[in-house]
Amino acid sequence: RGDTCFSAYITERLTKDIENSVKYAAAAVSLKMETPGPFKGTREDVEAYIKEFYDI
């Protein structure tokens, strides 16, 4: 979880603000927790998760 969170956040911070970077990292980790092993989802998977669960 730590590697997924850190890498997702740092990658997003290259072009996004803190709030959106944290949201992306949280969504990536949430998706990662659904299956054992490394995260194998796509950016589209994470963005869909954000739209479904985080965007109000």
Protein backbone atom coordinates (compact mmCIF):
# COMPACT_ATOMS: atom_id res chain seq x y z
CA ARG A 1 0.00 0.00 0.00
CA GLY A 2 2.78 2.42 0.83
CA ASP A 3 4.52 2.09 -2.51
CA THR A 4 1.23 2.46 -4.37
CA CYS A 5 0.25 5.52 -2.36
CA PHE A 6 3.61 7.24 -2.63
CA SER A 7 4.11 6.59 -6.34
CA ALA A 8 0.55 7.61 -7.24
CA TYR A 9 0.82 10.83 -5.24
CA ILE A 10 4.26 11.83 -6.55
CA THR A 11 3.26 11.10 -10.14
CA GLU A 12 0.13 13.23 -9.84
CA ARG A 13 1.97 16.09 -8.11
CA LEU A 14 4.07 16.58 -11.23
CA THR A 15 1.05 18.19 -12.89
CA LYS A 16 -1.78 18.45 -10.32
CA ASP A 17 -2.49 20.28 -7.08
CA ILE A 18 -2.27 18.67 -3.64
CA GLU A 19 -6.00 17.99 -3.24
CA ASN A 20 -6.36 16.14 -6.53
CA SER A 21 -3.09 14.29 -6.05
CA VAL A 22 -4.20 13.00 -2.65
CA LYS A 23 -7.58 12.00 -4.06
CA TYR A 24 -5.91 10.08 -6.89
CA ALA A 25 -3.52 8.31 -4.51
CA ALA A 26 -6.36 7.37 -2.15
CA ALA A 27 -8.41 5.96 -5.02
CA ALA A 28 -5.43 3.98 -6.35
CA VAL A 29 -4.79 2.47 -2.92
CA SER A 30 -8.49 1.68 -2.44
CA LEU A 31 -8.52 -0.19 -5.75
CA LYS A 32 -5.25 -1.92 -4.90
CA MET A 33 -6.70 -3.21 -1.63
CA GLU A 34 -9.40 -5.10 -3.53
CA THR A 35 -6.91 -7.64 -4.89
CA PRO A 36 -3.68 -9.11 -3.51
CA GLY A 37 -0.35 -8.24 -5.08
CA PRO A 38 0.80 -5.11 -6.87
CA PHE A 39 -1.65 -2.65 -8.36
CA LYS A 40 -2.39 -3.64 -11.95
CA GLY A 41 -5.15 -1.17 -12.73
CA THR A 42 -5.05 1.64 -15.25
CA ARG A 43 -5.36 5.39 -14.95
CA GLU A 44 -8.86 5.01 -16.35
CA ASP A 45 -9.74 2.56 -13.56
CA VAL A 46 -8.61 5.06 -10.93
CA GLU A 47 -10.43 7.96 -12.57
CA ALA A 48 -13.64 5.91 -12.79
CA TYR A 49 -13.28 5.01 -9.09
CA ILE A 50 -12.89 8.69 -8.22
CA LYS A 51 -16.02 9.59 -10.18
CA GLU A 52 -18.01 6.79 -8.55
CA PHE A 53 -16.94 7.21 -4.93
CA TYR A 54 -15.24 10.58 -4.36
CA ASP A 55 -16.81 13.17 -6.62
CA ILE A 56 -19.95 14.54 -5.08
